[in-house]
Amino acid sequence: MTAQAQQVLKRALLLPPIERAELIERVFNSFDYHGKDNFDTLWAREAENRIDAFDKGILKAVSAKKVFRKIEKSK
C-alpha cells in the first residue's frame, strides 16, 4: 500500500462507524466488475428476506446504538 493510501486509511479509521460504512459502500460501488448487477439483486433479495423474517417474529431487532457499540468494542 502506498504512503498516500496508508494515510487515507489512517484517517478513515478515525471516522464514526456509520461514516466508515458509507465510505466502504462508495469505494466498493466504484469498482466495475462482472456480475455487479446480480450482486445488487441478491442483496435486495436478502434484505427482503430479513424484513419478512422480522415481520414473522423469526428475527429480533437490534438497536443501531447496540450494534455500533459492539463494533467499537471489537476494534
PDB file of N, CA and C in Angstrom:
ATOM      1  N   MET A   1       0.853  -1.169   0.000  1.00  0.00           N
ATOM      2  CA  MET A   1       0.000   0.000   0.000  1.00  0.00           C
ATOM      3  C   MET A   1       0.903   1.237   0.000  1.00  0.00           C
ATOM      4  N   THR A   2       0.543   2.207  -0.807  1.00  0.00           N
ATOM      5  CA  THR A   2       1.346   3.426  -0.877  1.00  0.00           C
ATOM      6  C   THR A   2       1.186   4.246   0.400  1.00  0.00           C
ATOM      7  N   ALA A   3       2.093   5.177   0.590  1.00  0.00           N
ATOM      8  CA  ALA A   3       2.012   6.063   1.760  1.00  0.00           C
ATOM      9  C   ALA A   3       0.714   6.862   1.732  1.00  0.00           C
ATOM     10  N   GLN A   4       0.319   7.285   0.543  1.00  0.00           N
ATOM     11  CA  GLN A   4      -0.926   8.051   0.418  1.00  0.00           C
ATOM     12  C   GLN A   4      -2.126   7.194   0.829  1.00  0.00           C
ATOM     13  N   ALA A   5      -2.162   5.951   0.368  1.00  0.00           N
ATOM     14  CA  ALA A   5      -3.259   5.049   0.725  1.00  0.00           C
ATOM     15  C   ALA A   5      -3.260   4.762   2.223  1.00  0.00           C
ATOM     16  N   GLN A   6      -2.086   4.597   2.809  1.00  0.00           N
ATOM     17  CA  GLN A   6      -1.996   4.362   4.252  1.00  0.00           C
ATOM     18  C   GLN A   6      -2.528   5.561   5.031  1.00  0.00           C
ATOM     19  N   GLN A   7      -2.230   6.768   4.550  1.00  0.00           N
ATOM     20  CA  GLN A   7      -2.723   7.979   5.212  1.00  0.00           C
ATOM     21  C   GLN A   7      -4.244   8.071   5.115  1.00  0.00           C
ATOM     22  N   VAL A   8      -4.781   7.735   3.941  1.00  0.00           N
ATOM     23  CA  VAL A   8      -6.236   7.736   3.762  1.00  0.00           C
ATOM     24  C   VAL A   8      -6.874   6.730   4.717  1.00  0.00           C
ATOM     25  N   LEU A   9      -6.296   5.539   4.798  1.00  0.00           N
ATOM     26  CA  LEU A   9      -6.815   4.509   5.699  1.00  0.00           C
ATOM     27  C   LEU A   9      -6.769   4.973   7.149  1.00  0.00           C
ATOM     28  N   LYS A  10      -5.657   5.541   7.548  1.00  0.00           N
ATOM     29  CA  LYS A  10      -5.499   6.018   8.928  1.00  0.00           C
ATOM     30  C   LYS A  10      -6.584   7.037   9.273  1.00  0.00           C
ATOM     31  N   ARG A  11      -6.835   7.960   8.354  1.00  0.00           N
ATOM     32  CA  ARG A  11      -7.859   8.978   8.593  1.00  0.00           C
ATOM     33  C   ARG A  11      -9.261   8.371   8.559  1.00  0.00           C
ATOM     34  N   ALA A  12      -9.480   7.414   7.654  1.00  0.00           N
ATOM     35  CA  ALA A  12     -10.796   6.778   7.547  1.00  0.00           C
ATOM     36  C   ALA A  12     -11.146   6.026   8.825  1.00  0.00           C
ATOM     37  N   LEU A  13     -10.159   5.398   9.440  1.00  0.00           N
ATOM     38  CA  LEU A  13     -10.409   4.629  10.663  1.00  0.00           C
ATOM     39  C   LEU A  13     -10.779   5.515  11.847  1.00  0.00           C
ATOM     40  N   LEU A  14     -10.546   6.798  11.736  1.00  0.00           N
ATOM     41  CA  LEU A  14     -10.919   7.735  12.793  1.00  0.00           C
ATOM     42  C   LEU A  14     -12.371   8.194  12.675  1.00  0.00           C
ATOM     43  N   LEU A  15     -13.004   7.891  11.549  1.00  0.00           N
ATOM     44  CA  LEU A  15     -14.393   8.290  11.330  1.00  0.00           C
ATOM     45  C   LEU A  15     -15.335   7.469  12.205  1.00  0.00           C
ATOM     46  N   PRO A  16     -16.508   8.023  12.511  1.00  0.00           N
ATOM     47  CA  PRO A  16     -17.524   7.242  13.223  1.00  0.00           C
ATOM     48  C   PRO A  16     -17.942   6.040  12.368  1.00  0.00           C
ATOM     49  N   PRO A  17     -18.435   4.982  12.993  1.00  0.00           N
ATOM     50  CA  PRO A  17     -18.786   3.761  12.263  1.00  0.00           C
ATOM     51  C   PRO A  17     -19.704   3.980  11.061  1.00  0.00           C
ATOM     52  N   ILE A  18     -20.726   4.804  11.204  1.00  0.00           N
ATOM     53  CA  ILE A  18     -21.664   4.982  10.091  1.00  0.00           C
ATOM     54  C   ILE A  18     -20.977   5.650   8.904  1.00  0.00           C
ATOM     55  N   GLU A  19     -20.068   6.581   9.175  1.00  0.00           N
ATOM     56  CA  GLU A  19     -19.348   7.232   8.081  1.00  0.00           C
ATOM     57  C   GLU A  19     -18.361   6.270   7.430  1.00  0.00           C
ATOM     58  N   ARG A  20     -17.747   5.396   8.223  1.00  0.00           N
ATOM     59  CA  ARG A  20     -16.856   4.379   7.646  1.00  0.00           C
ATOM     60  C   ARG A  20     -17.648   3.447   6.742  1.00  0.00           C
ATOM     61  N   ALA A  21     -18.840   3.056   7.189  1.00  0.00           N
ATOM     62  CA  ALA A  21     -19.682   2.167   6.382  1.00  0.00           C
ATOM     63  C   ALA A  21     -20.071   2.839   5.065  1.00  0.00           C
ATOM     64  N   GLU A  22     -20.415   4.119   5.123  1.00  0.00           N
ATOM     65  CA  GLU A  22     -20.765   4.843   3.899  1.00  0.00           C
ATOM     66  C   GLU A  22     -19.564   4.934   2.965  1.00  0.00           C
ATOM     67  N   LEU A  23     -18.398   5.168   3.532  1.00  0.00           N
ATOM     68  CA  LEU A  23     -17.171   5.248   2.736  1.00  0.00           C
ATOM     69  C   LEU A  23     -16.883   3.914   2.050  1.00  0.00           C
ATOM     70  N   ILE A  24     -17.015   2.835   2.802  1.00  0.00           N
ATOM     71  CA  ILE A  24     -16.799   1.497   2.240  1.00  0.00           C
ATOM     72  C   ILE A  24     -17.754   1.251   1.076  1.00  0.00           C
ATOM     73  N   GLU A  25     -19.018   1.599   1.277  1.00  0.00           N
ATOM     74  CA  GLU A  25     -20.007   1.372   0.223  1.00  0.00           C
ATOM     75  C   GLU A  25     -19.662   2.163  -1.036  1.00  0.00           C
ATOM     76  N   ARG A  26     -19.252   3.406  -0.867  1.00  0.00           N
ATOM     77  CA  ARG A  26     -18.922   4.232  -2.036  1.00  0.00           C
ATOM     78  C   ARG A  26     -17.687   3.710  -2.762  1.00  0.00           C
ATOM     79  N   VAL A  27     -16.683   3.301  -2.011  1.00  0.00           N
ATOM     80  CA  VAL A  27     -15.476   2.760  -2.648  1.00  0.00           C
ATOM     81  C   VAL A  27     -15.820   1.453  -3.359  1.00  0.00           C
ATOM     82  N   PHE A  28     -16.550   0.579  -2.689  1.00  0.00           N
ATOM     83  CA  PHE A  28     -16.938  -0.698  -3.285  1.00  0.00           C
ATOM     84  C   PHE A  28     -17.733  -0.484  -4.569  1.00  0.00           C
ATOM     85  N   ASN A  29     -18.670   0.452  -4.535  1.00  0.00           N
ATOM     86  CA  ASN A  29     -19.503   0.706  -5.713  1.00  0.00           C
ATOM     87  C   ASN A  29     -18.739   1.371  -6.849  1.00  0.00           C
ATOM     88  N   SER A  30     -17.538   1.863  -6.563  1.00  0.00           N
ATOM     89  CA  SER A  30     -16.742   2.487  -7.620  1.00  0.00           C
ATOM     90  C   SER A  30     -16.103   1.450  -8.545  1.00  0.00           C
ATOM     91  N   PHE A  31     -16.072   0.186  -8.113  1.00  0.00           N
ATOM     92  CA  PHE A  31     -15.496  -0.871  -8.939  1.00  0.00           C
ATOM     93  C   PHE A  31     -16.486  -1.305 -10.003  1.00  0.00           C
ATOM     94  N   ASP A  32     -15.962  -1.597 -11.162  1.00  0.00           N
ATOM     95  CA  ASP A  32     -16.776  -2.124 -12.249  1.00  0.00           C
ATOM     96  C   ASP A  32     -16.371  -3.586 -12.422  1.00  0.00           C
ATOM     97  N   TYR A  33     -17.253  -4.491 -12.103  1.00  0.00           N
ATOM     98  CA  TYR A  33     -16.919  -5.902 -12.177  1.00  0.00           C
ATOM     99  C   TYR A  33     -18.086  -6.695 -12.750  1.00  0.00           C
ATOM    100  N   HIS A  34     -17.752  -7.827 -13.319  1.00  0.00           N
ATOM    101  CA  HIS A  34     -18.754  -8.722 -13.893  1.00  0.00           C
ATOM    102  C   HIS A  34     -19.686  -9.199 -12.779  1.00  0.00           C
ATOM    103  N   GLY A  35     -20.962  -9.115 -13.005  1.00  0.00           N
ATOM    104  CA  GLY A  35     -21.923  -9.602 -12.033  1.00  0.00           C
ATOM    105  C   GLY A  35     -22.352  -8.562 -11.017  1.00  0.00           C
ATOM    106  N   LYS A  36     -21.935  -7.309 -11.201  1.00  0.00           N
ATOM    107  CA  LYS A  36     -22.278  -6.259 -10.239  1.00  0.00           C
ATOM    108  C   LYS A  36     -23.791  -6.117 -10.087  1.00  0.00           C
ATOM    109  N   ASP A  37     -24.513  -6.131 -11.209  1.00  0.00           N
ATOM    110  CA  ASP A  37     -25.967  -6.011 -11.149  1.00  0.00           C
ATOM    111  C   ASP A  37     -26.585  -7.182 -10.394  1.00  0.00           C
ATOM    112  N   ASN A  38     -26.067  -8.383 -10.623  1.00  0.00           N
ATOM    113  CA  ASN A  38     -26.562  -9.562  -9.928  1.00  0.00           C
ATOM    114  C   ASN A  38     -26.303  -9.455  -8.430  1.00  0.00           C
ATOM    115  N   PHE A  39     -25.156  -8.922  -8.070  1.00  0.00           N
ATOM    116  CA  PHE A  39     -24.809  -8.737  -6.662  1.00  0.00           C
ATOM    117  C   PHE A  39     -25.840  -7.847  -5.975  1.00  0.00           C
ATOM    118  N   ASP A  40     -26.183  -6.726  -6.621  1.00  0.00           N
ATOM    119  CA  ASP A  40     -27.177  -5.813  -6.058  1.00  0.00           C
ATOM    120  C   ASP A  40     -28.537  -6.490  -5.928  1.00  0.00           C
ATOM    121  N   THR A  41     -28.899  -7.290  -6.913  1.00  0.00           N
ATOM    122  CA  THR A  41     -30.169  -8.010  -6.877  1.00  0.00           C
ATOM    123  C   THR A  41     -30.199  -9.004  -5.723  1.00  0.00           C
ATOM    124  N   LEU A  42     -29.099  -9.714  -5.535  1.00  0.00           N
ATOM    125  CA  LEU A  42     -29.026 -10.687  -4.439  1.00  0.00           C
ATOM    126  C   LEU A  42     -29.129 -10.006  -3.078  1.00  0.00           C
ATOM    127  N   TRP A  43     -28.470  -8.861  -2.917  1.00  0.00           N
ATOM    128  CA  TRP A  43     -28.553  -8.141  -1.643  1.00  0.00           C
ATOM    129  C   TRP A  43     -29.961  -7.610  -1.404  1.00  0.00           C
ATOM    130  N   ALA A  44     -30.624  -7.157  -2.449  1.00  0.00           N
ATOM    131  CA  ALA A  44     -32.000  -6.681  -2.308  1.00  0.00           C
ATOM    132  C   ALA A  44     -32.906  -7.827  -1.863  1.00  0.00           C
ATOM    133  N   ARG A  45     -32.700  -8.995  -2.455  1.00  0.00           N
ATOM    134  CA  ARG A  45     -33.480 -10.175  -2.071  1.00  0.00           C
ATOM    135  C   ARG A  45     -33.207 -10.543  -0.610  1.00  0.00           C
ATOM    136  N   GLU A  46     -31.944 -10.503  -0.213  1.00  0.00           N
ATOM    137  CA  GLU A  46     -31.580 -10.809   1.177  1.00  0.00           C
ATOM    138  C   GLU A  46     -32.247  -9.827   2.140  1.00  0.00           C
ATOM    139  N   ALA A  47     -32.250  -8.558   1.779  1.00  0.00           N
ATOM    140  CA  ALA A  47     -32.896  -7.549   2.626  1.00  0.00           C
ATOM    141  C   ALA A  47     -34.386  -7.846   2.778  1.00  0.00           C
ATOM    142  N   GLU A  48     -35.037  -8.185   1.677  1.00  0.00           N
ATOM    143  CA  GLU A  48     -36.462  -8.521   1.735  1.00  0.00           C
ATOM    144  C   GLU A  48     -36.707  -9.748   2.602  1.00  0.00           C
ATOM    145  N   ASN A  49     -35.846 -10.758   2.486  1.00  0.00           N
ATOM    146  CA  ASN A  49     -35.983 -11.964   3.310  1.00  0.00           C
ATOM    147  C   ASN A  49     -35.840 -11.634   4.790  1.00  0.00           C
ATOM    148  N   ARG A  50     -34.913 -10.742   5.108  1.00  0.00           N
ATOM    149  CA  ARG A  50     -34.715 -10.361   6.511  1.00  0.00           C
ATOM    150  C   ARG A  50     -35.912  -9.577   7.043  1.00  0.00           C
ATOM    151  N   ILE A  51     -36.463  -8.705   6.214  1.00  0.00           N
ATOM    152  CA  ILE A  51     -37.654  -7.950   6.621  1.00  0.00           C
ATOM    153  C   ILE A  51     -38.811  -8.907   6.868  1.00  0.00           C
ATOM    154  N   ASP A  52     -39.007  -9.866   5.972  1.00  0.00           N
ATOM    155  CA  ASP A  52     -40.065 -10.863   6.152  1.00  0.00           C
ATOM    156  C   ASP A  52     -39.859 -11.653   7.438  1.00  0.00           C
ATOM    157  N   ALA A  53     -38.622 -12.068   7.698  1.00  0.00           N
ATOM    158  CA  ALA A  53     -38.325 -12.829   8.915  1.00  0.00           C
ATOM    159  C   ALA A  53     -38.599 -11.987  10.154  1.00  0.00           C
ATOM    160  N   PHE A  54     -38.269 -10.713  10.095  1.00  0.00           N
ATOM    161  CA  PHE A  54     -38.549  -9.818  11.224  1.00  0.00           C
ATOM    162  C   PHE A  54     -40.052  -9.690  11.429  1.00  0.00           C
ATOM    163  N   ASP A  55     -40.786  -9.467  10.335  1.00  0.00           N
ATOM    164  CA  ASP A  55     -42.240  -9.326  10.420  1.00  0.00           C
ATOM    165  C   ASP A  55     -42.907 -10.574  10.986  1.00  0.00           C
ATOM    166  N   LYS A  56     -42.325 -11.750  10.727  1.00  0.00           N
ATOM    167  CA  LYS A  56     -42.883 -13.011  11.227  1.00  0.00           C
ATOM    168  C   LYS A  56     -42.387 -13.354  12.626  1.00  0.00           C
ATOM    169  N   GLY A  57     -41.517 -12.519  13.185  1.00  0.00           N
ATOM    170  CA  GLY A  57     -41.002 -12.759  14.527  1.00  0.00           C
ATOM    171  C   GLY A  57     -39.841 -13.732  14.582  1.00  0.00           C
ATOM    172  N   ILE A  58     -39.292 -14.085  13.438  1.00  0.00           N
ATOM    173  CA  ILE A  58     -38.161 -15.013  13.388  1.00  0.00           C
ATOM    174  C   ILE A  58     -36.867 -14.301  13.780  1.00  0.00           C
ATOM    175  N   LEU A  59     -36.736 -13.048  13.364  1.00  0.00           N
ATOM    176  CA  LEU A  59     -35.569 -12.230  13.708  1.00  0.00           C
ATOM    177  C   LEU A  59     -35.980 -11.136  14.674  1.00  0.00           C
ATOM    178  N   LYS A  60     -35.097 -10.832  15.609  1.00  0.00           N
ATOM    179  CA  LYS A  60     -35.343  -9.745  16.550  1.00  0.00           C
ATOM    180  C   LYS A  60     -34.580  -8.503  16.105  1.00  0.00           C
ATOM    181  N   ALA A  61     -35.132  -7.357  16.431  1.00  0.00           N
ATOM    182  CA  ALA A  61     -34.467  -6.091  16.110  1.00  0.00           C
ATOM    183  C   ALA A  61     -33.359  -5.827  17.129  1.00  0.00           C
ATOM    184  N   VAL A  62     -32.291  -5.216  16.644  1.00  0.00           N
ATOM    185  CA  VAL A  62     -31.189  -4.780  17.498  1.00  0.00           C
ATOM    186  C   VAL A  62     -30.972  -3.309  17.189  1.00  0.00           C
ATOM    187  N   SER A  63     -30.904  -2.496  18.228  1.00  0.00           N
ATOM    188  CA  SER A  63     -30.747  -1.059  18.001  1.00  0.00           C
ATOM    189  C   SER A  63     -29.400  -0.754  17.351  1.00  0.00           C
ATOM    190  N   ALA A  64     -29.384   0.291  16.547  1.00  0.00           N
ATOM    191  CA  ALA A  64     -28.137   0.717  15.896  1.00  0.00           C
ATOM    192  C   ALA A  64     -27.093   1.056  16.948  1.00  0.00           C
ATOM    193  N   LYS A  65     -27.529   1.663  18.030  1.00  0.00           N
ATOM    194  CA  LYS A  65     -26.605   2.035  19.108  1.00  0.00           C
ATOM    195  C   LYS A  65     -25.883   0.801  19.645  1.00  0.00           C
ATOM    196  N   LYS A  66     -26.632  -0.269  19.849  1.00  0.00           N
ATOM    197  CA  LYS A  66     -26.043  -1.509  20.356  1.00  0.00           C
ATOM    198  C   LYS A  66     -25.092  -2.125  19.329  1.00  0.00           C
ATOM    199  N   VAL A  67     -25.482  -2.097  18.069  1.00  0.00           N
ATOM    200  CA  VAL A  67     -24.645  -2.655  17.004  1.00  0.00           C
ATOM    201  C   VAL A  67     -23.325  -1.909  16.920  1.00  0.00           C
ATOM    202  N   PHE A  68     -23.385  -0.573  16.895  1.00  0.00           N
ATOM    203  CA  PHE A  68     -22.160   0.216  16.768  1.00  0.00           C
ATOM    204  C   PHE A  68     -21.295   0.125  18.025  1.00  0.00           C
ATOM    205  N   ARG A  69     -21.919  -0.032  19.187  1.00  0.00           N
ATOM    206  CA  ARG A  69     -21.142  -0.228  20.417  1.00  0.00           C
ATOM    207  C   ARG A  69     -20.353  -1.534  20.319  1.00  0.00           C
ATOM    208  N   LYS A  70     -20.994  -2.570  19.799  1.00  0.00           N
ATOM    209  CA  LYS A  70     -20.319  -3.859  19.625  1.00  0.00           C
ATOM    210  C   LYS A  70     -19.169  -3.739  18.627  1.00  0.00           C
ATOM    211  N   ILE A  71     -19.388  -2.996  17.550  1.00  0.00           N
ATOM    212  CA  ILE A  71     -18.328  -2.785  16.558  1.00  0.00           C
ATOM    213  C   ILE A  71     -17.148  -2.069  17.197  1.00  0.00           C
ATOM    214  N   GLU A  72     -17.423  -1.028  17.957  1.00  0.00           N
ATOM    215  CA  GLU A  72     -16.352  -0.261  18.599  1.00  0.00           C
ATOM    216  C   GLU A  72     -15.560  -1.126  19.583  1.00  0.00           C
ATOM    217  N   LYS A  73     -16.240  -1.998  20.313  1.00  0.00           N
ATOM    218  CA  LYS A  73     -15.560  -2.875  21.274  1.00  0.00           C
ATOM    219  C   LYS A  73     -14.668  -3.892  20.578  1.00  0.00           C
ATOM    220  N   SER A  74     -15.014  -4.257  19.353  1.00  0.00           N
ATOM    221  CA  SER A  74     -14.254  -5.294  18.650  1.00  0.00           C
ATOM    222  C   SER A  74     -12.991  -4.762  17.983  1.00  0.00           C
ATOM    223  N   LYS A  75     -12.787  -3.469  18.034  1.00  0.00           N
ATOM    224  CA  LYS A  75     -11.593  -2.880  17.400  1.00  0.00           C
ATOM    225  C   LYS A  75     -10.331  -3.257  18.133  1.00  0.00           C
TER     226      LYS A  75
END
